[in-house]
N, C-alpha and C. Protein backbone atom coordinates (compact mmCIF):
# COMPACT_ATOMS: atom_id res chain seq x y z
N MET A 1 0.55 -1.12 -0.23
CA MET A 1 -0.21 -0.01 -0.21
C MET A 1 1.02 1.06 0.04
N GLY A 2 0.54 2.40 -0.81
CA GLY A 2 1.09 3.53 -0.57
C GLY A 2 2.54 3.75 -1.75
N THR A 3 2.33 2.43 -2.49
CA THR A 3 3.57 2.81 -3.61
C THR A 3 3.08 3.28 -5.16
N GLU A 4 3.66 3.73 -5.66
CA GLU A 4 2.90 4.27 -7.04
C GLU A 4 3.91 4.19 -8.02
N THR A 5 3.44 3.93 -9.10
CA THR A 5 3.93 3.51 -10.16
C THR A 5 3.58 4.26 -11.51
N ASP A 6 5.25 4.48 -12.34
CA ASP A 6 5.58 5.42 -13.77
C ASP A 6 4.84 5.07 -14.60
N TRP A 7 3.94 5.61 -15.30
CA TRP A 7 3.35 5.37 -16.66
C TRP A 7 3.80 6.21 -17.74
N VAL A 8 4.54 5.84 -18.85
CA VAL A 8 4.68 6.53 -19.76
C VAL A 8 4.01 6.61 -21.51
N TYR A 9 3.34 7.57 -21.67
CA TYR A 9 2.52 7.35 -22.71
C TYR A 9 2.85 8.37 -23.78
N ARG A 10 2.19 7.66 -24.61
CA ARG A 10 2.14 8.25 -26.29
C ARG A 10 1.48 8.63 -27.07
N VAL A 11 0.84 9.47 -27.76
CA VAL A 11 -0.56 8.87 -28.52
C VAL A 11 0.43 9.57 -30.28
N PHE A 12 -0.06 8.01 -31.05
CA PHE A 12 -0.30 8.00 -32.20
C PHE A 12 -1.58 8.52 -33.32
N GLU A 13 -1.28 8.76 -34.74
CA GLU A 13 -2.48 8.72 -35.49
C GLU A 13 -1.38 8.07 -36.45
N PRO A 14 -2.72 7.24 -37.53
CA PRO A 14 -2.54 6.73 -38.61
C PRO A 14 -1.91 7.48 -39.62
N HIS A 15 -1.00 6.87 -40.39
CA HIS A 15 -0.28 7.50 -41.32
C HIS A 15 -0.38 6.68 -42.39
N GLY A 16 -1.39 6.50 -43.08
CA GLY A 16 -1.61 5.51 -44.46
C GLY A 16 -0.77 4.22 -44.59
N SER A 17 -0.06 4.08 -45.29
CA SER A 17 0.89 2.95 -45.53
C SER A 17 2.19 2.90 -44.57
N GLU A 18 2.22 3.81 -44.29
CA GLU A 18 3.63 4.46 -43.33
C GLU A 18 3.32 3.88 -42.12
N GLY A 19 1.78 3.43 -41.49
CA GLY A 19 1.85 2.78 -40.17
C GLY A 19 1.18 4.20 -39.36
N TRP A 20 1.97 4.25 -37.89
CA TRP A 20 1.74 5.24 -37.59
C TRP A 20 2.51 6.47 -37.10
N ARG A 21 2.24 7.63 -36.53
CA ARG A 21 3.23 8.96 -36.43
C ARG A 21 2.71 9.48 -35.32
N PRO A 22 3.73 9.89 -34.95
CA PRO A 22 3.48 10.99 -33.49
C PRO A 22 1.99 11.41 -33.83
N TYR A 23 1.15 11.83 -33.04
CA TYR A 23 -0.33 12.57 -32.72
C TYR A 23 -0.02 14.05 -33.09
N GLY A 24 -0.39 14.26 -34.06
CA GLY A 24 -0.77 16.23 -34.06
C GLY A 24 0.54 17.05 -34.32
N SER A 25 -0.12 18.30 -34.06
CA SER A 25 1.01 19.40 -34.90
C SER A 25 2.16 19.46 -33.88
N ASP A 26 1.39 19.30 -32.27
CA ASP A 26 2.60 19.24 -31.49
C ASP A 26 3.06 17.99 -30.62
N PRO A 27 3.23 17.12 -31.37
CA PRO A 27 3.25 15.56 -31.06
C PRO A 27 4.08 15.47 -29.53
N GLU A 28 4.75 16.63 -29.50
CA GLU A 28 5.20 16.65 -27.54
C GLU A 28 4.14 16.91 -26.62
N ARG A 29 3.31 17.49 -27.35
CA ARG A 29 2.29 17.63 -26.24
C ARG A 29 1.45 16.20 -25.93
N TRP A 30 1.57 15.12 -26.84
CA TRP A 30 0.90 14.03 -26.75
C TRP A 30 1.95 13.15 -25.99
N ARG A 31 2.68 13.33 -25.24
CA ARG A 31 4.05 12.57 -24.96
C ARG A 31 4.19 12.81 -23.90
N GLY A 32 4.09 11.65 -22.67
CA GLY A 32 4.31 12.65 -20.97
C GLY A 32 4.37 11.32 -20.05
N SER A 33 4.38 11.64 -18.86
CA SER A 33 4.32 10.32 -17.80
C SER A 33 3.05 10.67 -16.86
N ILE A 34 2.61 9.89 -16.30
CA ILE A 34 1.46 9.73 -15.66
C ILE A 34 1.88 8.76 -13.94
N THR A 35 2.00 9.59 -12.48
CA THR A 35 2.22 8.27 -11.78
C THR A 35 0.78 7.82 -11.04
N ALA A 36 0.52 6.73 -11.08
CA ALA A 36 -0.90 6.29 -10.52
C ALA A 36 -0.26 5.44 -9.23
N ASP A 37 -1.26 5.27 -8.44
CA ASP A 37 -1.28 4.16 -7.51
C ASP A 37 -0.81 3.03 -8.26
N ASP A 38 0.01 1.83 -7.43
CA ASP A 38 0.32 0.49 -7.63
C ASP A 38 -0.43 -0.35 -7.00
N SER A 39 -1.32 -0.37 -8.27
CA SER A 39 -2.68 -1.39 -8.34
C SER A 39 -2.95 -2.20 -9.18
N SER A 40 -3.55 -3.02 -9.42
CA SER A 40 -4.27 -3.86 -10.86
C SER A 40 -4.91 -2.91 -11.73
N GLU A 41 -5.76 -1.25 -11.08
CA GLU A 41 -6.04 -0.23 -12.00
C GLU A 41 -5.39 0.45 -12.38
N GLY A 42 -4.44 0.58 -12.13
CA GLY A 42 -3.19 1.59 -12.49
C GLY A 42 -2.89 2.09 -13.70
N PRO A 43 -2.44 1.28 -14.32
CA PRO A 43 -2.40 1.77 -16.18
C PRO A 43 -3.85 1.45 -16.80
N GLN A 44 -4.72 1.17 -16.29
CA GLN A 44 -5.95 1.72 -16.78
C GLN A 44 -6.43 2.96 -16.41
N TYR A 45 -6.41 3.28 -15.53
CA TYR A 45 -6.50 4.60 -14.95
C TYR A 45 -5.76 5.77 -15.75
N ALA A 46 -4.40 5.15 -16.28
CA ALA A 46 -3.46 6.37 -16.65
C ALA A 46 -3.89 6.31 -17.90
N VAL A 47 -4.03 5.58 -18.79
CA VAL A 47 -4.36 5.24 -20.07
C VAL A 47 -5.86 6.31 -20.19
N ALA A 48 -6.68 6.00 -18.92
CA ALA A 48 -8.46 6.92 -19.21
C ALA A 48 -7.71 8.22 -18.55
N LEU A 49 -6.84 8.75 -18.27
CA LEU A 49 -6.94 10.09 -17.96
C LEU A 49 -6.39 10.25 -19.27
N VAL A 50 -5.65 10.18 -20.35
CA VAL A 50 -4.99 10.59 -21.56
C VAL A 50 -6.16 10.28 -22.30
N VAL A 51 -6.76 10.02 -22.68
CA VAL A 51 -8.25 9.41 -23.06
C VAL A 51 -9.12 10.65 -23.25
N THR A 52 -9.31 11.16 -21.96
CA THR A 52 -10.15 12.21 -21.44
C THR A 52 -9.90 13.50 -21.76
N ASP A 53 -8.38 13.25 -21.54
CA ASP A 53 -7.47 14.90 -21.95
C ASP A 53 -7.50 14.95 -23.12
N LEU A 54 -7.30 13.83 -24.19
CA LEU A 54 -7.73 13.83 -25.58
C LEU A 54 -9.03 14.15 -26.46
N MET A 55 -10.12 13.50 -25.58
CA MET A 55 -11.91 14.06 -26.11
C MET A 55 -12.08 15.58 -25.14
N SER A 56 -11.13 15.66 -24.25
CA SER A 56 -11.88 16.99 -24.12
C SER A 56 -11.31 18.12 -25.11
N GLU A 57 -10.16 17.88 -25.34
CA GLU A 57 -9.14 18.81 -26.44
C GLU A 57 -10.38 19.32 -27.66
N TRP A 58 -11.00 17.81 -28.20
CA TRP A 58 -11.12 17.69 -29.07
C TRP A 58 -12.32 18.43 -29.08
N LYS A 59 -13.22 18.50 -27.85
CA LYS A 59 -14.38 19.05 -27.85
C LYS A 59 -14.28 20.30 -27.60
N MET A 60 -13.49 21.24 -26.76
CA MET A 60 -12.83 22.24 -27.08
C MET A 60 -12.63 22.76 -28.48
N ARG A 61 -11.61 22.31 -29.17
CA ARG A 61 -11.93 22.70 -30.68
C ARG A 61 -12.94 22.62 -31.67
N GLY A 62 -14.24 22.05 -31.11
CA GLY A 62 -15.51 21.53 -31.59
C GLY A 62 -15.60 20.95 -32.84
N LEU A 63 -14.59 19.82 -32.80
CA LEU A 63 -14.61 18.70 -33.64
C LEU A 63 -15.81 17.78 -33.57
N PRO A 64 -16.59 17.31 -34.54
CA PRO A 64 -17.71 17.21 -34.42
C PRO A 64 -17.60 15.34 -33.77
N GLN A 65 -16.48 14.78 -33.90
CA GLN A 65 -15.98 13.61 -33.49
C GLN A 65 -14.74 13.47 -32.99
N ALA A 66 -14.81 12.38 -32.67
CA ALA A 66 -13.09 11.89 -32.26
C ALA A 66 -12.10 11.41 -33.16
N ARG A 67 -10.96 12.07 -32.92
CA ARG A 67 -10.25 11.29 -34.40
C ARG A 67 -10.08 10.25 -33.68
N HIS A 68 -9.23 9.24 -34.86
CA HIS A 68 -8.61 7.78 -35.05
C HIS A 68 -7.11 7.90 -34.79
N VAL A 69 -7.04 7.45 -33.51
CA VAL A 69 -5.88 7.62 -32.53
C VAL A 69 -5.59 6.27 -31.92
N ARG A 70 -4.10 6.14 -31.25
CA ARG A 70 -3.94 5.06 -30.49
C ARG A 70 -3.22 5.47 -29.59
N VAL A 71 -3.30 5.12 -27.98
CA VAL A 71 -2.65 5.48 -27.15
C VAL A 71 -1.89 4.44 -26.76
N LEU A 72 -0.57 4.65 -26.30
CA LEU A 72 0.22 3.60 -25.70
C LEU A 72 0.61 3.75 -24.50
N LEU A 73 0.89 2.98 -23.60
CA LEU A 73 1.31 3.34 -21.97
C LEU A 73 2.04 2.03 -22.11
N TRP A 74 3.59 2.73 -21.35
CA TRP A 74 4.48 1.67 -20.76
C TRP A 74 4.67 1.95 -19.32
N HIS A 75 5.33 0.79 -18.81
CA HIS A 75 5.92 0.75 -17.32
C HIS A 75 7.14 1.17 -17.53
N ASP A 76 7.46 2.65 -16.76
CA ASP A 76 9.00 3.05 -16.39
C ASP A 76 9.31 4.06 -17.56
N GLU A 77 8.94 3.63 -18.93
CA GLU A 77 10.19 4.03 -19.83
C GLU A 77 9.06 3.81 -21.34
N GLU A 78 8.87 4.42 -22.41
CA GLU A 78 8.58 4.46 -23.61
C GLU A 78 9.39 3.29 -24.31
N GLY A 79 8.98 2.40 -24.78
CA GLY A 79 9.74 1.12 -25.75
C GLY A 79 8.90 1.13 -27.23
N ASP A 80 9.17 0.48 -27.73
CA ASP A 80 8.28 -0.30 -29.31
C ASP A 80 6.90 -0.22 -29.02
N MET A 81 6.08 -0.43 -30.00
CA MET A 81 4.60 -0.35 -29.99
C MET A 81 4.50 -2.00 -29.16
N ALA A 82 5.33 -2.77 -29.95
CA ALA A 82 4.76 -4.19 -29.51
C ALA A 82 4.96 -4.56 -28.35
N ASP A 83 5.86 -3.59 -27.12
CA ASP A 83 6.36 -3.65 -25.63
C ASP A 83 5.57 -3.08 -24.57
N ALA A 84 4.40 -2.18 -25.39
CA ALA A 84 3.60 -1.77 -24.73
C ALA A 84 2.69 -2.55 -23.41
N ASP A 85 2.79 -1.77 -22.68
CA ASP A 85 1.38 -2.87 -21.64
C ASP A 85 0.05 -2.30 -21.97
N ILE A 86 0.02 -1.33 -22.45
CA ILE A 86 -2.11 -1.15 -22.61
C ILE A 86 -1.46 -0.41 -24.30
N ILE A 87 -2.16 -1.03 -24.94
CA ILE A 87 -2.58 0.10 -26.18
C ILE A 87 -4.42 0.07 -26.63
N VAL A 88 -4.91 1.46 -26.60
CA VAL A 88 -6.08 2.03 -26.60
C VAL A 88 -6.33 2.49 -28.16
N GLU A 89 -7.46 2.34 -28.68
CA GLU A 89 -7.45 2.48 -30.03
C GLU A 89 -8.59 3.20 -30.04
N VAL A 90 -8.41 4.37 -30.35
CA VAL A 90 -10.16 5.49 -30.39
C VAL A 90 -9.85 5.37 -31.88
N ARG A 91 -11.61 5.30 -32.41
CA ARG A 91 -11.70 5.76 -33.83
C ARG A 91 -13.14 6.60 -33.51
N PRO A 92 -12.83 7.56 -34.56
CA PRO A 92 -14.30 8.44 -34.80
C PRO A 92 -15.74 7.11 -35.36
N LYS A 93 -16.84 7.31 -34.98
CA LYS A 93 -18.10 7.16 -35.12
C LYS A 93 -18.15 6.70 -36.80
N ILE A 94 -18.19 5.43 -37.32
CA ILE A 94 -18.34 5.22 -38.54
C ILE A 94 -20.03 5.09 -38.98
N HIS A 95 -21.28 4.88 -38.27
CA HIS A 95 -22.29 5.09 -38.60
C HIS A 95 -22.98 6.49 -37.64
N ALA A 96 -23.55 7.40 -38.34
CA ALA A 96 -24.08 8.34 -37.01
C ALA A 96 -25.76 7.64 -36.84
N GLY A 97 -25.85 7.72 -35.99
CA GLY A 97 -27.01 6.88 -34.88
C GLY A 97 -27.96 7.25 -35.67
């Protein structure tokens, strides 16, 4: 109890046949770290904070829907996509209700 874990995150966007590239016009804005309680919910909580921040920015900019992005989360330090502890993919709505 009382221990914490550092999580490093980065957000990527699709880039055609080249795969994925860092998200946005300021990629460093979507790269950082989060310290969370060392529990089974730590990584889920950390990635939820990043997704919430993304959605808040999209809403603030008046974008009608989410952008297609991937949020990657690593324990302690950034690595390859294949080494991520969690990958969450956010996709815009394909069909309007």
